[in-house]
Amino acid sequence: MEPFEAVVATHGATVLRVCRAVLGPVDAEDAWSETFLAALRAYPDLPTGANVEAWLVTIAHRKAIDHVRARARRAVPTDTLPEPRLTDGEHPGSWQRDLWAALADLPERQRHSLAYHYLAGLTYVEVAAVIGGTPEAARKAGSDGVRALRRTYLEGARR
């Protein structure tokens, strides 16, 4: 079995891309850390020959859902809208903020299908195993998500 440090080095960037696509840049690093903490505990029980990348994406998917649920339960004790938080090196109006906003506007199933297929490199069979449903439904959700991004994100960039 490959050392866990090598698993993190090999798949860490993929898991971070998936977390960012699902949660946005603010909560992605927390979900990434929680994913690898959970994976570290379960790694000794992983069957030999298992698809480690798909396994990690499944864990990241569940951690991302936990973050979305926790975010929905948090109270917002202000009557004015807060300033959006920027990450290091990000500027207001940058393409990253616009892309995250366009991704965040997608329905959850489309956003997850795009993230797991295009960012994590999973097949639609593996995407369907993570998010539920058939591979055809996962492919349709991904296709609809790309179409929606082309319509909203690219048109917004041309203005």
Foldseek 3Di string as FASTA:
>chain_A
DDDLVVVCVVQVQLLLLLLCLQPNDPCSVVLSVVLSVVCVVCVVVDDPPDDSLLVSNLSSVVSSVVVVVVVVPDDDPDPDDDDDDDDPPDDPPDLSVLVSVLSVPQPNLLSNLQSCCVRSVDQLCSSCVRPPDHSVVSVVSPVVSVVSCCVPSVVVVVD
